[in-house]
Amino acid sequence: MDDRVGRVRAGMAEAGLDALYVSGPVDDVFGRHAANRRYLSGFTGSAGAAVVTGERAILAVDFRYIEQAEGESVPLGFEVLRIAGRERTSFAEVVR
């Protein structure tokens, strides 16, 4: 299995970062969406965001994507967080 999260954590340590937030932007004109989030987490849904810390890798999605996120991202080491409201508020509570 490809250890993308491990490589991200190594880069974070080199850069002195405690956490990395990867959002899911709106589709661009070529129909690509959330390429960075998809590459890191495996999640192919159109809405969600990821955060990686030294100890945790979390994918936050709303209720529509829970089953999909669990199938695509849990095998890559992510835990799935159901969010309600603004992503950043939920992540702020999680990474404290």
PDB file of N, CA and C in Angstrom:
ATOM      1  N   MET A   1       0.845  -1.187   0.000  1.00  0.00           N
ATOM      2  CA  MET A   1       0.000   0.000   0.000  1.00  0.00           C
ATOM      3  C   MET A   1       0.887   1.247   0.000  1.00  0.00           C
ATOM      4  N   ASP A   2       0.479   2.250  -0.740  1.00  0.00           N
ATOM      5  CA  ASP A   2       1.180   3.519  -0.828  1.00  0.00           C
ATOM      6  C   ASP A   2       0.992   4.293   0.478  1.00  0.00           C
ATOM      7  N   ASP A   3       2.086   4.766   1.085  1.00  0.00           N
ATOM      8  CA  ASP A   3       1.997   5.467   2.370  1.00  0.00           C
ATOM      9  C   ASP A   3       2.046   6.980   2.167  1.00  0.00           C
ATOM     10  N   ARG A   4       1.027   7.513   1.525  1.00  0.00           N
ATOM     11  CA  ARG A   4       0.973   8.954   1.264  1.00  0.00           C
ATOM     12  C   ARG A   4       0.905   9.751   2.555  1.00  0.00           C
ATOM     13  N   VAL A   5       0.125   9.280   3.508  1.00  0.00           N
ATOM     14  CA  VAL A   5       0.005   9.995   4.781  1.00  0.00           C
ATOM     15  C   VAL A   5       1.357  10.030   5.485  1.00  0.00           C
ATOM     16  N   GLY A   6       2.084   8.932   5.453  1.00  0.00           N
ATOM     17  CA  GLY A   6       3.414   8.896   6.062  1.00  0.00           C
ATOM     18  C   GLY A   6       4.364   9.891   5.424  1.00  0.00           C
ATOM     19  N   ARG A   7       4.307  10.000   4.102  1.00  0.00           N
ATOM     20  CA  ARG A   7       5.170  10.966   3.414  1.00  0.00           C
ATOM     21  C   ARG A   7       4.761  12.395   3.737  1.00  0.00           C
ATOM     22  N   VAL A   8       3.463  12.633   3.838  1.00  0.00           N
ATOM     23  CA  VAL A   8       2.992  13.967   4.223  1.00  0.00           C
ATOM     24  C   VAL A   8       3.472  14.298   5.631  1.00  0.00           C
ATOM     25  N   ARG A   9       3.367  13.350   6.539  1.00  0.00           N
ATOM     26  CA  ARG A   9       3.827  13.587   7.913  1.00  0.00           C
ATOM     27  C   ARG A   9       5.324  13.882   7.952  1.00  0.00           C
ATOM     28  N   ALA A  10       6.104  13.186   7.150  1.00  0.00           N
ATOM     29  CA  ALA A  10       7.544  13.448   7.103  1.00  0.00           C
ATOM     30  C   ALA A  10       7.800  14.868   6.607  1.00  0.00           C
ATOM     31  N   GLY A  11       7.083  15.287   5.585  1.00  0.00           N
ATOM     32  CA  GLY A  11       7.217  16.653   5.082  1.00  0.00           C
ATOM     33  C   GLY A  11       6.767  17.688   6.094  1.00  0.00           C
ATOM     34  N   MET A  12       5.706  17.373   6.824  1.00  0.00           N
ATOM     35  CA  MET A  12       5.235  18.277   7.869  1.00  0.00           C
ATOM     36  C   MET A  12       6.295  18.443   8.949  1.00  0.00           C
ATOM     37  N   ALA A  13       6.922  17.346   9.347  1.00  0.00           N
ATOM     38  CA  ALA A  13       7.963  17.402  10.378  1.00  0.00           C
ATOM     39  C   ALA A  13       9.136  18.251   9.900  1.00  0.00           C
ATOM     40  N   GLU A  14       9.541  18.072   8.643  1.00  0.00           N
ATOM     41  CA  GLU A  14      10.629  18.880   8.079  1.00  0.00           C
ATOM     42  C   GLU A  14      10.296  20.357   8.091  1.00  0.00           C
ATOM     43  N   ALA A  15       9.035  20.681   7.806  1.00  0.00           N
ATOM     44  CA  ALA A  15       8.605  22.074   7.731  1.00  0.00           C
ATOM     45  C   ALA A  15       8.183  22.638   9.083  1.00  0.00           C
ATOM     46  N   GLY A  16       8.169  21.808  10.121  1.00  0.00           N
ATOM     47  CA  GLY A  16       7.765  22.269  11.443  1.00  0.00           C
ATOM     48  C   GLY A  16       6.271  22.502  11.576  1.00  0.00           C
ATOM     49  N   LEU A  17       5.474  21.753  10.819  1.00  0.00           N
ATOM     50  CA  LEU A  17       4.022  21.909  10.864  1.00  0.00           C
ATOM     51  C   LEU A  17       3.391  20.904  11.817  1.00  0.00           C
ATOM     52  N   ASP A  18       2.393  21.360  12.558  1.00  0.00           N
ATOM     53  CA  ASP A  18       1.642  20.478  13.451  1.00  0.00           C
ATOM     54  C   ASP A  18       0.489  19.793  12.737  1.00  0.00           C
ATOM     55  N   ALA A  19      -0.056  20.455  11.717  1.00  0.00           N
ATOM     56  CA  ALA A  19      -1.216  19.917  11.008  1.00  0.00           C
ATOM     57  C   ALA A  19      -1.229  20.435   9.576  1.00  0.00           C
ATOM     58  N   LEU A  20      -1.895  19.684   8.722  1.00  0.00           N
ATOM     59  CA  LEU A  20      -2.088  20.080   7.327  1.00  0.00           C
ATOM     60  C   LEU A  20      -3.564  19.932   7.000  1.00  0.00           C
ATOM     61  N   TYR A  21      -4.157  20.999   6.489  1.00  0.00           N
ATOM     62  CA  TYR A  21      -5.567  21.019   6.099  1.00  0.00           C
ATOM     63  C   TYR A  21      -5.641  20.954   4.582  1.00  0.00           C
ATOM     64  N   VAL A  22      -6.399  20.008   4.058  1.00  0.00           N
ATOM     65  CA  VAL A  22      -6.548  19.848   2.612  1.00  0.00           C
ATOM     66  C   VAL A  22      -8.031  19.957   2.288  1.00  0.00           C
ATOM     67  N   SER A  23      -8.390  21.036   1.610  1.00  0.00           N
ATOM     68  CA  SER A  23      -9.804  21.274   1.312  1.00  0.00           C
ATOM     69  C   SER A  23     -10.199  20.631  -0.005  1.00  0.00           C
ATOM     70  N   GLY A  24     -11.464  20.686  -0.282  1.00  0.00           N
ATOM     71  CA  GLY A  24     -12.005  20.166  -1.529  1.00  0.00           C
ATOM     72  C   GLY A  24     -12.644  21.287  -2.321  1.00  0.00           C
ATOM     73  N   PRO A  25     -11.894  21.901  -3.248  1.00  0.00           N
ATOM     74  CA  PRO A  25     -12.439  23.032  -4.001  1.00  0.00           C
ATOM     75  C   PRO A  25     -13.514  22.607  -4.992  1.00  0.00           C
ATOM     76  N   VAL A  26     -14.217  23.586  -5.486  1.00  0.00           N
ATOM     77  CA  VAL A  26     -15.248  23.370  -6.494  1.00  0.00           C
ATOM     78  C   VAL A  26     -14.592  22.876  -7.782  1.00  0.00           C
ATOM     79  N   ASP A  27     -15.325  22.115  -8.565  1.00  0.00           N
ATOM     80  CA  ASP A  27     -14.801  21.622  -9.845  1.00  0.00           C
ATOM     81  C   ASP A  27     -14.223  22.760 -10.671  1.00  0.00           C
ATOM     82  N   ASP A  28     -13.106  22.482 -11.343  1.00  0.00           N
ATOM     83  CA  ASP A  28     -12.561  23.464 -12.268  1.00  0.00           C
ATOM     84  C   ASP A  28     -13.162  23.224 -13.654  1.00  0.00           C
ATOM     85  N   VAL A  29     -12.725  23.995 -14.627  1.00  0.00           N
ATOM     86  CA  VAL A  29     -13.319  23.916 -15.962  1.00  0.00           C
ATOM     87  C   VAL A  29     -13.076  22.573 -16.640  1.00  0.00           C
ATOM     88  N   PHE A  30     -12.127  21.798 -16.157  1.00  0.00           N
ATOM     89  CA  PHE A  30     -11.836  20.504 -16.757  1.00  0.00           C
ATOM     90  C   PHE A  30     -12.554  19.354 -16.052  1.00  0.00           C
ATOM     91  N   GLY A  31     -13.386  19.671 -15.050  1.00  0.00           N
ATOM     92  CA  GLY A  31     -14.129  18.634 -14.351  1.00  0.00           C
ATOM     93  C   GLY A  31     -13.344  17.951 -13.243  1.00  0.00           C
ATOM     94  N   ARG A  32     -12.152  18.447 -12.953  1.00  0.00           N
ATOM     95  CA  ARG A  32     -11.374  17.863 -11.853  1.00  0.00           C
ATOM     96  C   ARG A  32     -11.862  18.502 -10.560  1.00  0.00           C
ATOM     97  N   HIS A  33     -11.922  17.740  -9.505  1.00  0.00           N
ATOM     98  CA  HIS A  33     -12.299  18.326  -8.226  1.00  0.00           C
ATOM     99  C   HIS A  33     -11.480  17.710  -7.108  1.00  0.00           C
ATOM    100  N   ALA A  34     -11.059  18.565  -6.246  1.00  0.00           N
ATOM    101  CA  ALA A  34     -10.398  18.130  -5.020  1.00  0.00           C
ATOM    102  C   ALA A  34      -9.260  17.154  -5.276  1.00  0.00           C
ATOM    103  N   ALA A  35      -8.447  17.435  -6.286  1.00  0.00           N
ATOM    104  CA  ALA A  35      -7.382  16.497  -6.658  1.00  0.00           C
ATOM    105  C   ALA A  35      -6.425  16.219  -5.505  1.00  0.00           C
ATOM    106  N   ASN A  36      -6.054  17.223  -4.740  1.00  0.00           N
ATOM    107  CA  ASN A  36      -5.123  17.002  -3.630  1.00  0.00           C
ATOM    108  C   ASN A  36      -5.751  16.146  -2.540  1.00  0.00           C
ATOM    109  N   ARG A  37      -6.989  16.447  -2.196  1.00  0.00           N
ATOM    110  CA  ARG A  37      -7.682  15.651  -1.183  1.00  0.00           C
ATOM    111  C   ARG A  37      -7.881  14.219  -1.662  1.00  0.00           C
ATOM    112  N   ARG A  38      -8.253  14.070  -2.908  1.00  0.00           N
ATOM    113  CA  ARG A  38      -8.473  12.737  -3.480  1.00  0.00           C
ATOM    114  C   ARG A  38      -7.173  11.931  -3.497  1.00  0.00           C
ATOM    115  N   TYR A  39      -6.075  12.567  -3.889  1.00  0.00           N
ATOM    116  CA  TYR A  39      -4.787  11.877  -3.933  1.00  0.00           C
ATOM    117  C   TYR A  39      -4.370  11.403  -2.539  1.00  0.00           C
ATOM    118  N   LEU A  40      -4.529  12.279  -1.553  1.00  0.00           N
ATOM    119  CA  LEU A  40      -4.089  11.961  -0.197  1.00  0.00           C
ATOM    120  C   LEU A  40      -4.979  10.927   0.484  1.00  0.00           C
ATOM    121  N   SER A  41      -6.289  11.113   0.388  1.00  0.00           N
ATOM    122  CA  SER A  41      -7.221  10.296   1.176  1.00  0.00           C
ATOM    123  C   SER A  41      -7.909   9.177   0.398  1.00  0.00           C
ATOM    124  N   GLY A  42      -7.874   9.241  -0.919  1.00  0.00           N
ATOM    125  CA  GLY A  42      -8.592   8.267  -1.722  1.00  0.00           C
ATOM    126  C   GLY A  42     -10.062   8.596  -1.914  1.00  0.00           C
ATOM    127  N   PHE A  43     -10.552   9.632  -1.245  1.00  0.00           N
ATOM    128  CA  PHE A  43     -11.971   9.984  -1.292  1.00  0.00           C
ATOM    129  C   PHE A  43     -12.295  10.693  -2.603  1.00  0.00           C
ATOM    130  N   THR A  44     -13.251  10.134  -3.359  1.00  0.00           N
ATOM    131  CA  THR A  44     -13.597  10.675  -4.669  1.00  0.00           C
ATOM    132  C   THR A  44     -14.871  11.510  -4.669  1.00  0.00           C
ATOM    133  N   GLY A  45     -15.487  11.689  -3.514  1.00  0.00           N
ATOM    134  CA  GLY A  45     -16.694  12.503  -3.438  1.00  0.00           C
ATOM    135  C   GLY A  45     -16.390  13.966  -3.700  1.00  0.00           C
ATOM    136  N   SER A  46     -17.441  14.735  -3.954  1.00  0.00           N
ATOM    137  CA  SER A  46     -17.256  16.135  -4.326  1.00  0.00           C
ATOM    138  C   SER A  46     -17.234  17.095  -3.146  1.00  0.00           C
ATOM    139  N   ALA A  47     -17.496  16.633  -1.942  1.00  0.00           N
ATOM    140  CA  ALA A  47     -17.519  17.531  -0.786  1.00  0.00           C
ATOM    141  C   ALA A  47     -16.843  16.865   0.405  1.00  0.00           C
ATOM    142  N   GLY A  48     -15.910  17.575   0.994  1.00  0.00           N
ATOM    143  CA  GLY A  48     -15.213  17.061   2.164  1.00  0.00           C
ATOM    144  C   GLY A  48     -13.846  17.700   2.283  1.00  0.00           C
ATOM    145  N   ALA A  49     -13.231  17.515   3.413  1.00  0.00           N
ATOM    146  CA  ALA A  49     -11.905  18.066   3.655  1.00  0.00           C
ATOM    147  C   ALA A  49     -11.146  17.113   4.567  1.00  0.00           C
ATOM    148  N   ALA A  50      -9.830  17.190   4.482  1.00  0.00           N
ATOM    149  CA  ALA A  50      -8.985  16.308   5.287  1.00  0.00           C
ATOM    150  C   ALA A  50      -8.045  17.135   6.143  1.00  0.00           C
ATOM    151  N   VAL A  51      -7.660  16.569   7.275  1.00  0.00           N
ATOM    152  CA  VAL A  51      -6.615  17.156   8.103  1.00  0.00           C
ATOM    153  C   VAL A  51      -5.712  16.010   8.547  1.00  0.00           C
ATOM    154  N   VAL A  52      -4.418  16.282   8.493  1.00  0.00           N
ATOM    155  CA  VAL A  52      -3.425  15.301   8.921  1.00  0.00           C
ATOM    156  C   VAL A  52      -2.603  15.932  10.029  1.00  0.00           C
ATOM    157  N   THR A  53      -2.464  15.228  11.143  1.00  0.00           N
ATOM    158  CA  THR A  53      -1.576  15.642  12.228  1.00  0.00           C
ATOM    159  C   THR A  53      -0.549  14.528  12.414  1.00  0.00           C
ATOM    160  N   GLY A  54       0.311  14.687  13.386  1.00  0.00           N
ATOM    161  CA  GLY A  54       1.291  13.650  13.655  1.00  0.00           C
ATOM    162  C   GLY A  54       0.673  12.340  14.096  1.00  0.00           C
ATOM    163  N   GLU A  55      -0.510  12.411  14.695  1.00  0.00           N
ATOM    164  CA  GLU A  55      -1.157  11.215  15.228  1.00  0.00           C
ATOM    165  C   GLU A  55      -2.396  10.772  14.472  1.00  0.00           C
ATOM    166  N   ARG A  56      -3.050  11.700  13.780  1.00  0.00           N
ATOM    167  CA  ARG A  56      -4.342  11.372  13.177  1.00  0.00           C
ATOM    168  C   ARG A  56      -4.422  11.839  11.728  1.00  0.00           C
ATOM    169  N   ALA A  57      -5.203  11.105  10.948  1.00  0.00           N
ATOM    170  CA  ALA A  57      -5.584  11.511   9.595  1.00  0.00           C
ATOM    171  C   ALA A  57      -7.106  11.444   9.566  1.00  0.00           C
ATOM    172  N   ILE A  58      -7.745  12.581   9.322  1.00  0.00           N
ATOM    173  CA  ILE A  58      -9.193  12.678   9.439  1.00  0.00           C
ATOM    174  C   ILE A  58      -9.770  13.194   8.130  1.00  0.00           C
ATOM    175  N   LEU A  59     -10.827  12.558   7.682  1.00  0.00           N
ATOM    176  CA  LEU A  59     -11.585  13.045   6.539  1.00  0.00           C
ATOM    177  C   LEU A  59     -12.951  13.456   7.049  1.00  0.00           C
ATOM    178  N   ALA A  60     -13.306  14.709   6.862  1.00  0.00           N
ATOM    179  CA  ALA A  60     -14.595  15.219   7.323  1.00  0.00           C
ATOM    180  C   ALA A  60     -15.537  15.348   6.134  1.00  0.00           C
ATOM    181  N   VAL A  61     -16.691  14.735   6.265  1.00  0.00           N
ATOM    182  CA  VAL A  61     -17.711  14.777   5.217  1.00  0.00           C
ATOM    183  C   VAL A  61     -19.073  14.948   5.872  1.00  0.00           C
ATOM    184  N   ASP A  62     -20.047  15.373   5.070  1.00  0.00           N
ATOM    185  CA  ASP A  62     -21.392  15.438   5.625  1.00  0.00           C
ATOM    186  C   ASP A  62     -22.083  14.082   5.465  1.00  0.00           C
ATOM    187  N   PHE A  63     -23.291  13.997   5.961  1.00  0.00           N
ATOM    188  CA  PHE A  63     -23.993  12.713   6.036  1.00  0.00           C
ATOM    189  C   PHE A  63     -24.122  12.010   4.688  1.00  0.00           C
ATOM    190  N   ARG A  64     -24.116  12.756   3.595  1.00  0.00           N
ATOM    191  CA  ARG A  64     -24.303  12.142   2.275  1.00  0.00           C
ATOM    192  C   ARG A  64     -23.144  11.245   1.870  1.00  0.00           C
ATOM    193  N   TYR A  65     -21.969  11.467   2.452  1.00  0.00           N
ATOM    194  CA  TYR A  65     -20.760  10.793   1.988  1.00  0.00           C
ATOM    195  C   TYR A  65     -20.141   9.831   3.002  1.00  0.00           C
ATOM    196  N   ILE A  66     -20.799   9.593   4.116  1.00  0.00           N
ATOM    197  CA  ILE A  66     -20.217   8.755   5.168  1.00  0.00           C
ATOM    198  C   ILE A  66     -19.829   7.372   4.641  1.00  0.00           C
ATOM    199  N   GLU A  67     -20.752   6.679   4.022  1.00  0.00           N
ATOM    200  CA  GLU A  67     -20.476   5.320   3.548  1.00  0.00           C
ATOM    201  C   GLU A  67     -19.366   5.313   2.496  1.00  0.00           C
ATOM    202  N   GLN A  68     -19.420   6.250   1.563  1.00  0.00           N
ATOM    203  CA  GLN A  68     -18.393   6.335   0.527  1.00  0.00           C
ATOM    204  C   GLN A  68     -17.026   6.618   1.141  1.00  0.00           C
ATOM    205  N   ALA A  69     -16.974   7.571   2.068  1.00  0.00           N
ATOM    206  CA  ALA A  69     -15.704   7.928   2.707  1.00  0.00           C
ATOM    207  C   ALA A  69     -15.127   6.752   3.486  1.00  0.00           C
ATOM    208  N   GLU A  70     -15.974   6.029   4.185  1.00  0.00           N
ATOM    209  CA  GLU A  70     -15.490   4.868   4.939  1.00  0.00           C
ATOM    210  C   GLU A  70     -14.907   3.811   4.011  1.00  0.00           C
ATOM    211  N   GLY A  71     -15.523   3.618   2.866  1.00  0.00           N
ATOM    212  CA  GLY A  71     -15.026   2.629   1.921  1.00  0.00           C
ATOM    213  C   GLY A  71     -13.738   3.036   1.226  1.00  0.00           C
ATOM    214  N   GLU A  72     -13.586   4.327   0.952  1.00  0.00           N
ATOM    215  CA  GLU A  72     -12.432   4.792   0.184  1.00  0.00           C
ATOM    216  C   GLU A  72     -11.260   5.244   1.047  1.00  0.00           C
ATOM    217  N   SER A  73     -11.516   5.817   2.203  1.00  0.00           N
ATOM    218  CA  SER A  73     -10.451   6.459   2.975  1.00  0.00           C
ATOM    219  C   SER A  73      -9.977   5.682   4.192  1.00  0.00           C
ATOM    220  N   VAL A  74     -10.863   4.937   4.823  1.00  0.00           N
ATOM    221  CA  VAL A  74     -10.453   4.148   5.991  1.00  0.00           C
ATOM    222  C   VAL A  74      -9.330   3.172   5.636  1.00  0.00           C
ATOM    223  N   PRO A  75      -9.386   2.499   4.471  1.00  0.00           N
ATOM    224  CA  PRO A  75      -8.279   1.597   4.130  1.00  0.00           C
ATOM    225  C   PRO A  75      -6.924   2.303   3.984  1.00  0.00           C
ATOM    226  N   LEU A  76      -6.933   3.612   3.783  1.00  0.00           N
ATOM    227  CA  LEU A  76      -5.690   4.378   3.660  1.00  0.00           C
ATOM    228  C   LEU A  76      -5.264   5.003   4.984  1.00  0.00           C
ATOM    229  N   GLY A  77      -5.954   4.638   6.071  1.00  0.00           N
ATOM    230  CA  GLY A  77      -5.555   5.110   7.390  1.00  0.00           C
ATOM    231  C   GLY A  77      -6.302   6.319   7.905  1.00  0.00           C
ATOM    232  N   PHE A  78      -7.352   6.730   7.228  1.00  0.00           N
ATOM    233  CA  PHE A  78      -8.131   7.887   7.669  1.00  0.00           C
ATOM    234  C   PHE A  78      -9.275   7.449   8.561  1.00  0.00           C
ATOM    235  N   GLU A  79      -9.602   8.293   9.524  1.00  0.00           N
ATOM    236  CA  GLU A  79     -10.850   8.123  10.248  1.00  0.00           C
ATOM    237  C   GLU A  79     -11.834   9.106   9.628  1.00  0.00           C
ATOM    238  N   VAL A  80     -13.092   8.749   9.589  1.00  0.00           N
ATOM    239  CA  VAL A  80     -14.115   9.581   8.969  1.00  0.00           C
ATOM    240  C   VAL A  80     -14.877  10.310  10.061  1.00  0.00           C
ATOM    241  N   LEU A  81     -15.016  11.612   9.871  1.00  0.00           N
ATOM    242  CA  LEU A  81     -15.720  12.472  10.815  1.00  0.00           C
ATOM    243  C   LEU A  81     -16.927  13.067  10.109  1.00  0.00           C
ATOM    244  N   ARG A  82     -18.097  12.859  10.670  1.00  0.00           N
ATOM    245  CA  ARG A  82     -19.306  13.483  10.119  1.00  0.00           C
ATOM    246  C   ARG A  82     -19.367  14.911  10.628  1.00  0.00           C
ATOM    247  N   ILE A  83     -19.458  15.845   9.686  1.00  0.00           N
ATOM    248  CA  ILE A  83     -19.499  17.245  10.088  1.00  0.00           C
ATOM    249  C   ILE A  83     -20.904  17.802   9.921  1.00  0.00           C
ATOM    250  N   ALA A  84     -21.183  18.756  10.743  1.00  0.00           N
ATOM    251  CA  ALA A  84     -22.407  19.533  10.633  1.00  0.00           C
ATOM    252  C   ALA A  84     -21.984  20.985  10.761  1.00  0.00           C
ATOM    253  N   GLY A  85     -22.244  21.756   9.760  1.00  0.00           N
ATOM    254  CA  GLY A  85     -21.821  23.147   9.806  1.00  0.00           C
ATOM    255  C   GLY A  85     -20.500  23.345   9.094  1.00  0.00           C
ATOM    256  N   ARG A  86     -19.774  24.360   9.511  1.00  0.00           N
ATOM    257  CA  ARG A  86     -18.531  24.734   8.841  1.00  0.00           C
ATOM    258  C   ARG A  86     -17.407  23.766   9.161  1.00  0.00           C
ATOM    259  N   GLU A  87     -16.662  23.338   8.135  1.00  0.00           N
ATOM    260  CA  GLU A  87     -15.572  22.380   8.300  1.00  0.00           C
ATOM    261  C   GLU A  87     -14.530  22.872   9.296  1.00  0.00           C
ATOM    262  N   ARG A  88     -14.108  24.109   9.168  1.00  0.00           N
ATOM    263  CA  ARG A  88     -13.020  24.608  10.007  1.00  0.00           C
ATOM    264  C   ARG A  88     -13.385  24.578  11.485  1.00  0.00           C
ATOM    265  N   THR A  89     -14.629  24.875  11.792  1.00  0.00           N
ATOM    266  CA  THR A  89     -15.053  24.816  13.187  1.00  0.00           C
ATOM    267  C   THR A  89     -14.907  23.397  13.719  1.00  0.00           C
ATOM    268  N   SER A  90     -15.353  22.421  12.969  1.00  0.00           N
ATOM    269  CA  SER A  90     -15.247  21.036  13.402  1.00  0.00           C
ATOM    270  C   SER A  90     -13.798  20.606  13.543  1.00  0.00           C
ATOM    271  N   PHE A  91     -12.957  20.978  12.582  1.00  0.00           N
ATOM    272  CA  PHE A  91     -11.553  20.607  12.646  1.00  0.00           C
ATOM    273  C   PHE A  91     -10.852  21.280  13.818  1.00  0.00           C
ATOM    274  N   ALA A  92     -11.186  22.516  14.088  1.00  0.00           N
ATOM    275  CA  ALA A  92     -10.562  23.213  15.215  1.00  0.00           C
ATOM    276  C   ALA A  92     -10.822  22.455  16.509  1.00  0.00           C
ATOM    277  N   GLU A  93     -12.019  21.950  16.664  1.00  0.00           N
ATOM    278  CA  GLU A  93     -12.348  21.187  17.865  1.00  0.00           C
ATOM    279  C   GLU A  93     -11.591  19.862  17.908  1.00  0.00           C
ATOM    280  N   VAL A  94     -11.401  19.236  16.763  1.00  0.00           N
ATOM    281  CA  VAL A  94     -10.751  17.928  16.699  1.00  0.00           C
ATOM    282  C   VAL A  94      -9.258  18.015  16.972  1.00  0.00           C
ATOM    283  N   VAL A  95      -8.574  18.996  16.421  1.00  0.00           N
ATOM    284  CA  VAL A  95      -7.110  19.033  16.516  1.00  0.00           C
ATOM    285  C   VAL A  95      -6.593  19.724  17.770  1.00  0.00           C
ATOM    286  N   ARG A  96      -7.450  20.224  18.618  1.00  0.00           N
ATOM    287  CA  ARG A  96      -6.994  20.867  19.864  1.00  0.00           C
ATOM    288  C   ARG A  96      -6.369  19.882  20.789  1.00  0.00           C
TER     289      ARG A  96
END
